[in-house]
PDB file of all heavy atoms in Angstrom:
ATOM      1  N   HIS A   1       4.317  -1.701 -12.972  1.00  0.00           N
ATOM      2  CA  HIS A   1       5.600  -1.885 -12.275  1.00  0.00           C
ATOM      3  C   HIS A   1       5.414  -2.630 -10.956  1.00  0.00           C
ATOM      4  O   HIS A   1       6.408  -3.034 -10.311  1.00  0.00           O
ATOM      5  CB  HIS A   1       6.203  -0.474 -12.002  1.00  0.00           C
ATOM      6  CG  HIS A   1       7.645  -0.512 -11.612  1.00  0.00           C
ATOM      7  ND1 HIS A   1       8.645  -0.989 -12.453  1.00  0.00           N
ATOM      8  CD2 HIS A   1       8.276  -0.087 -10.495  1.00  0.00           C
ATOM      9  CE1 HIS A   1       9.803  -0.854 -11.852  1.00  0.00           C
ATOM     10  NE2 HIS A   1       9.619  -0.306 -10.670  1.00  0.00           N
ATOM     11  N   GLN A   2       4.181  -2.814 -10.535  1.00  0.00           N
ATOM     12  CA  GLN A   2       3.922  -3.339  -9.194  1.00  0.00           C
ATOM     13  C   GLN A   2       4.262  -4.834  -9.069  1.00  0.00           C
ATOM     14  O   GLN A   2       4.397  -5.348  -7.966  1.00  0.00           O
ATOM     15  CB  GLN A   2       2.494  -3.085  -8.784  1.00  0.00           C
ATOM     16  CG  GLN A   2       2.202  -1.605  -8.538  1.00  0.00           C
ATOM     17  CD  GLN A   2       0.785  -1.352  -8.121  1.00  0.00           C
ATOM     18  OE1 GLN A   2      -0.001  -2.257  -7.849  1.00  0.00           O
ATOM     19  NE2 GLN A   2       0.400  -0.070  -8.061  1.00  0.00           N
ATOM     20  N   ALA A   3       4.430  -5.528 -10.192  1.00  0.00           N
ATOM     21  CA  ALA A   3       4.726  -6.966 -10.137  1.00  0.00           C
ATOM     22  C   ALA A   3       6.221  -7.237  -9.830  1.00  0.00           C
ATOM     23  O   ALA A   3       6.571  -8.425  -9.612  1.00  0.00           O
ATOM     24  CB  ALA A   3       4.368  -7.616 -11.451  1.00  0.00           C
ATOM     25  N   TYR A   4       7.054  -6.213  -9.776  1.00  0.00           N
ATOM     26  CA  TYR A   4       8.498  -6.468  -9.785  1.00  0.00           C
ATOM     27  C   TYR A   4       9.184  -6.272  -8.422  1.00  0.00           C
ATOM     28  O   TYR A   4      10.403  -6.360  -8.354  1.00  0.00           O
ATOM     29  CB  TYR A   4       9.169  -5.606 -10.856  1.00  0.00           C
ATOM     30  CG  TYR A   4       8.623  -5.889 -12.248  1.00  0.00           C
ATOM     31  CD1 TYR A   4       7.813  -4.979 -12.900  1.00  0.00           C
ATOM     32  CD2 TYR A   4       8.896  -7.107 -12.883  1.00  0.00           C
ATOM     33  CE1 TYR A   4       7.284  -5.234 -14.156  1.00  0.00           C
ATOM     34  CE2 TYR A   4       8.378  -7.406 -14.133  1.00  0.00           C
ATOM     35  CZ  TYR A   4       7.576  -6.479 -14.755  1.00  0.00           C
ATOM     36  OH  TYR A   4       7.062  -6.761 -16.004  1.00  0.00           O
ATOM     37  N   ASP A   5       8.444  -6.011  -7.389  1.00  0.00           N
ATOM     38  CA  ASP A   5       9.012  -5.864  -6.059  1.00  0.00           C
ATOM     39  C   ASP A   5      10.182  -4.914  -6.017  1.00  0.00           C
ATOM     40  O   ASP A   5      11.274  -5.221  -5.523  1.00  0.00           O
ATOM     41  CB  ASP A   5       9.414  -7.225  -5.488  1.00  0.00           C
ATOM     42  CG  ASP A   5       9.691  -7.174  -4.008  1.00  0.00           C
ATOM     43  OD1 ASP A   5       9.114  -6.300  -3.318  1.00  0.00           O
ATOM     44  OD2 ASP A   5      10.482  -8.008  -3.497  1.00  0.00           O
ATOM     45  N   ALA A   6       9.976  -3.701  -6.560  1.00  0.00           N
ATOM     46  CA  ALA A   6      11.024  -2.663  -6.521  1.00  0.00           C
ATOM     47  C   ALA A   6      11.285  -2.286  -5.082  1.00  0.00           C
ATOM     48  O   ALA A   6      10.499  -2.568  -4.167  1.00  0.00           O
ATOM     49  CB  ALA A   6      10.496  -1.442  -7.326  1.00  0.00           C
ATOM     50  N   PRO A   7      12.414  -1.621  -4.821  1.00  0.00           N
ATOM     51  CA  PRO A   7      12.818  -1.358  -3.420  1.00  0.00           C
ATOM     52  C   PRO A   7      11.744  -0.676  -2.564  1.00  0.00           C
ATOM     53  O   PRO A   7      11.609  -0.956  -1.381  1.00  0.00           O
ATOM     54  CB  PRO A   7      14.070  -0.492  -3.571  1.00  0.00           C
ATOM     55  CG  PRO A   7      14.663  -0.969  -4.837  1.00  0.00           C
ATOM     56  CD  PRO A   7      13.504  -1.271  -5.753  1.00  0.00           C
ATOM     57  N   LEU A   8      10.954   0.244  -3.141  1.00  0.00           N
ATOM     58  CA  LEU A   8       9.968   0.933  -2.352  1.00  0.00           C
ATOM     59  C   LEU A   8       8.595   0.286  -2.421  1.00  0.00           C
ATOM     60  O   LEU A   8       7.576   0.873  -1.990  1.00  0.00           O
ATOM     61  CB  LEU A   8       9.863   2.410  -2.791  1.00  0.00           C
ATOM     62  CG  LEU A   8      10.861   3.355  -2.102  1.00  0.00           C
ATOM     63  CD1 LEU A   8      10.873   4.718  -2.767  1.00  0.00           C
ATOM     64  CD2 LEU A   8      10.543   3.502  -0.603  1.00  0.00           C
ATOM     65  N   SER A   9       8.514  -0.919  -2.946  1.00  0.00           N
ATOM     66  CA  SER A   9       7.257  -1.656  -2.996  1.00  0.00           C
ATOM     67  C   SER A   9       6.808  -2.070  -1.624  1.00  0.00           C
ATOM     68  O   SER A   9       7.595  -2.617  -0.853  1.00  0.00           O
ATOM     69  CB  SER A   9       7.362  -2.862  -3.907  1.00  0.00           C
ATOM     70  OG  SER A   9       7.594  -2.499  -5.248  1.00  0.00           O
ATOM     71  N   ALA A  10       5.553  -1.839  -1.326  1.00  0.00           N
ATOM     72  CA  ALA A  10       4.926  -2.323  -0.074  1.00  0.00           C
ATOM     73  C   ALA A  10       3.436  -2.145  -0.238  1.00  0.00           C
ATOM     74  O   ALA A  10       2.941  -1.568  -1.222  1.00  0.00           O
ATOM     75  CB  ALA A  10       5.456  -1.544   1.122  1.00  0.00           C
ATOM     76  N   ASP A  11       2.694  -2.660   0.705  1.00  0.00           N
ATOM     77  CA  ASP A  11       1.244  -2.665   0.645  1.00  0.00           C
ATOM     78  C   ASP A  11       0.727  -1.336   1.191  1.00  0.00           C
ATOM     79  O   ASP A  11       0.567  -1.149   2.385  1.00  0.00           O
ATOM     80  CB  ASP A  11       0.706  -3.821   1.464  1.00  0.00           C
ATOM     81  CG  ASP A  11      -0.798  -4.051   1.261  1.00  0.00           C
ATOM     82  OD1 ASP A  11      -1.498  -3.102   0.853  1.00  0.00           O
ATOM     83  OD2 ASP A  11      -1.258  -5.170   1.490  1.00  0.00           O
ATOM     84  N   VAL A  12       0.460  -0.388   0.278  1.00  0.00           N
ATOM     85  CA  VAL A  12      -0.005   0.921   0.687  1.00  0.00           C
ATOM     86  C   VAL A  12      -1.348   0.828   1.398  1.00  0.00           C
ATOM     87  O   VAL A  12      -1.595   1.483   2.414  1.00  0.00           O
ATOM     88  CB  VAL A  12      -0.093   1.911  -0.510  1.00  0.00           C
ATOM     89  CG1 VAL A  12      -0.473   3.303  -0.021  1.00  0.00           C
ATOM     90  CG2 VAL A  12       1.209   1.948  -1.260  1.00  0.00           C
ATOM     91  N   GLU A  13      -2.237  -0.004   0.876  1.00  0.00           N
ATOM     92  CA  GLU A  13      -3.554  -0.133   1.469  1.00  0.00           C
ATOM     93  C   GLU A  13      -3.467  -0.627   2.894  1.00  0.00           C
ATOM     94  O   GLU A  13      -4.156  -0.109   3.792  1.00  0.00           O
ATOM     95  CB  GLU A  13      -4.409  -1.080   0.639  1.00  0.00           C
ATOM     96  CG  GLU A  13      -5.835  -1.194   1.157  1.00  0.00           C
ATOM     97  CD  GLU A  13      -6.700  -2.113   0.284  1.00  0.00           C
ATOM     98  OE1 GLU A  13      -6.154  -2.726  -0.658  1.00  0.00           O
ATOM     99  OE2 GLU A  13      -7.904  -2.160   0.538  1.00  0.00           O
ATOM    100  N   ALA A  14      -2.608  -1.603   3.163  1.00  0.00           N
ATOM    101  CA  ALA A  14      -2.463  -2.100   4.531  1.00  0.00           C
ATOM    102  C   ALA A  14      -1.887  -1.043   5.448  1.00  0.00           C
ATOM    103  O   ALA A  14      -2.268  -0.971   6.629  1.00  0.00           O
ATOM    104  CB  ALA A  14      -1.544  -3.336   4.509  1.00  0.00           C
ATOM    105  N   ALA A  15      -1.025  -0.176   4.945  1.00  0.00           N
ATOM    106  CA  ALA A  15      -0.465   0.900   5.733  1.00  0.00           C
ATOM    107  C   ALA A  15      -1.533   1.947   6.042  1.00  0.00           C
ATOM    108  O   ALA A  15      -1.521   2.562   7.116  1.00  0.00           O
ATOM    109  CB  ALA A  15       0.717   1.561   5.022  1.00  0.00           C
ATOM    110  N   ALA A  16      -2.464   2.137   5.134  1.00  0.00           N
ATOM    111  CA  ALA A  16      -3.464   3.184   5.283  1.00  0.00           C
ATOM    112  C   ALA A  16      -4.660   2.778   6.119  1.00  0.00           C
ATOM    113  O   ALA A  16      -5.249   3.592   6.831  1.00  0.00           O
ATOM    114  CB  ALA A  16      -3.944   3.666   3.906  1.00  0.00           C
ATOM    115  N   LEU A  17      -5.035   1.507   6.077  1.00  0.00           N
ATOM    116  CA  LEU A  17      -6.307   1.091   6.668  1.00  0.00           C
ATOM    117  C   LEU A  17      -6.480   1.419   8.140  1.00  0.00           C
ATOM    118  O   LEU A  17      -7.566   1.894   8.546  1.00  0.00           O
ATOM    119  CB  LEU A  17      -6.503  -0.416   6.434  1.00  0.00           C
ATOM    120  CG  LEU A  17      -7.037  -0.822   5.059  1.00  0.00           C
ATOM    121  CD1 LEU A  17      -6.931  -2.322   4.877  1.00  0.00           C
ATOM    122  CD2 LEU A  17      -8.479  -0.373   4.909  1.00  0.00           C
ATOM    123  N   PRO A  18      -5.469   1.199   9.011  1.00  0.00           N
ATOM    124  CA  PRO A  18      -5.726   1.490  10.442  1.00  0.00           C
ATOM    125  C   PRO A  18      -5.972   2.985  10.729  1.00  0.00           C
ATOM    126  O   PRO A  18      -6.520   3.290  11.791  1.00  0.00           O
ATOM    127  CB  PRO A  18      -4.437   1.028  11.125  1.00  0.00           C
ATOM    128  CG  PRO A  18      -3.779   0.111  10.121  1.00  0.00           C
ATOM    129  CD  PRO A  18      -4.142   0.638   8.792  1.00  0.00           C
ATOM    130  N   PHE A  19      -5.576   3.852   9.829  1.00  0.00           N
ATOM    131  CA  PHE A  19      -5.621   5.284  10.104  1.00  0.00           C
ATOM    132  C   PHE A  19      -6.591   6.009   9.110  1.00  0.00           C
ATOM    133  O   PHE A  19      -6.514   7.222   8.980  1.00  0.00           O
ATOM    134  CB  PHE A  19      -4.221   5.880  10.018  1.00  0.00           C
ATOM    135  CG  PHE A  19      -3.237   5.136  10.888  1.00  0.00           C
ATOM    136  CD1 PHE A  19      -2.361   4.250  10.343  1.00  0.00           C
ATOM    137  CD2 PHE A  19      -3.285   5.266  12.254  1.00  0.00           C
ATOM    138  CE1 PHE A  19      -1.479   3.526  11.112  1.00  0.00           C
ATOM    139  CE2 PHE A  19      -2.393   4.563  13.057  1.00  0.00           C
ATOM    140  CZ  PHE A  19      -1.501   3.697  12.488  1.00  0.00           C
ATOM    141  N   SER A  20      -7.444   5.250   8.482  1.00  0.00           N
ATOM    142  CA  SER A  20      -8.347   5.835   7.462  1.00  0.00           C
ATOM    143  C   SER A  20      -9.754   5.257   7.661  1.00  0.00           C
ATOM    144  O   SER A  20      -9.906   4.114   8.067  1.00  0.00           O
ATOM    145  CB  SER A  20      -7.865   5.527   6.034  1.00  0.00           C
ATOM    146  OG  SER A  20      -6.540   5.941   5.806  1.00  0.00           O
ATOM    147  N   ASP A  21     -10.731   6.076   7.339  1.00  0.00           N
ATOM    148  CA  ASP A  21     -12.113   5.609   7.320  1.00  0.00           C
ATOM    149  C   ASP A  21     -12.547   5.157   5.935  1.00  0.00           C
ATOM    150  O   ASP A  21     -13.552   4.422   5.770  1.00  0.00           O
ATOM    151  CB  ASP A  21     -13.074   6.736   7.776  1.00  0.00           C
ATOM    152  CG  ASP A  21     -12.737   7.219   9.177  1.00  0.00           C
ATOM    153  OD1 ASP A  21     -13.008   6.464  10.133  1.00  0.00           O
ATOM    154  OD2 ASP A  21     -12.205   8.349   9.314  1.00  0.00           O
ATOM    155  N   PHE A  22     -11.793   5.600   4.913  1.00  0.00           N
ATOM    156  CA  PHE A  22     -12.107   5.280   3.510  1.00  0.00           C
ATOM    157  C   PHE A  22     -10.763   5.065   2.815  1.00  0.00           C
ATOM    158  O   PHE A  22      -9.866   5.923   2.940  1.00  0.00           O
ATOM    159  CB  PHE A  22     -12.877   6.458   2.890  1.00  0.00           C
ATOM    160  CG  PHE A  22     -13.052   6.387   1.380  1.00  0.00           C
ATOM    161  CD1 PHE A  22     -14.254   5.980   0.847  1.00  0.00           C
ATOM    162  CD2 PHE A  22     -12.020   6.706   0.504  1.00  0.00           C
ATOM    163  CE1 PHE A  22     -14.447   5.937  -0.542  1.00  0.00           C
ATOM    164  CE2 PHE A  22     -12.161   6.664  -0.878  1.00  0.00           C
ATOM    165  CZ  PHE A  22     -13.400   6.282  -1.382  1.00  0.00           C
ATOM    166  N   VAL A  23     -10.605   3.962   2.122  1.00  0.00           N
ATOM    167  CA  VAL A  23      -9.377   3.688   1.357  1.00  0.00           C
ATOM    168  C   VAL A  23      -9.810   3.133   0.005  1.00  0.00           C
ATOM    169  O   VAL A  23     -10.622   2.251  -0.103  1.00  0.00           O
ATOM    170  CB  VAL A  23      -8.470   2.671   2.062  1.00  0.00           C
ATOM    171  CG1 VAL A  23      -7.231   2.376   1.202  1.00  0.00           C
ATOM    172  CG2 VAL A  23      -8.050   3.153   3.451  1.00  0.00           C
ATOM    173  N   ARG A  24      -9.191   3.697  -1.049  1.00  0.00           N
ATOM    174  CA  ARG A  24      -9.445   3.205  -2.397  1.00  0.00           C
ATOM    175  C   ARG A  24      -8.183   3.357  -3.233  1.00  0.00           C
ATOM    176  O   ARG A  24      -7.487   4.394  -3.126  1.00  0.00           O
ATOM    177  CB  ARG A  24     -10.586   3.937  -3.070  1.00  0.00           C
ATOM    178  CG  ARG A  24     -10.901   3.484  -4.508  1.00  0.00           C
ATOM    179  CD  ARG A  24     -12.104   4.190  -5.093  1.00  0.00           C
ATOM    180  NE  ARG A  24     -13.336   3.808  -4.378  1.00  0.00           N
ATOM    181  CZ  ARG A  24     -14.527   4.328  -4.598  1.00  0.00           C
ATOM    182  NH1 ARG A  24     -14.656   5.244  -5.566  1.00  0.00           N
ATOM    183  NH2 ARG A  24     -15.581   3.946  -3.938  1.00  0.00           N
TER     184      ARG A  24
END
């Protein structure tokens, strides 16, 4: 579903990186 730019689509990894030591 990630290819379709649904209303709640956003870059989760980018949101997490500044506040995480490990992201996967």
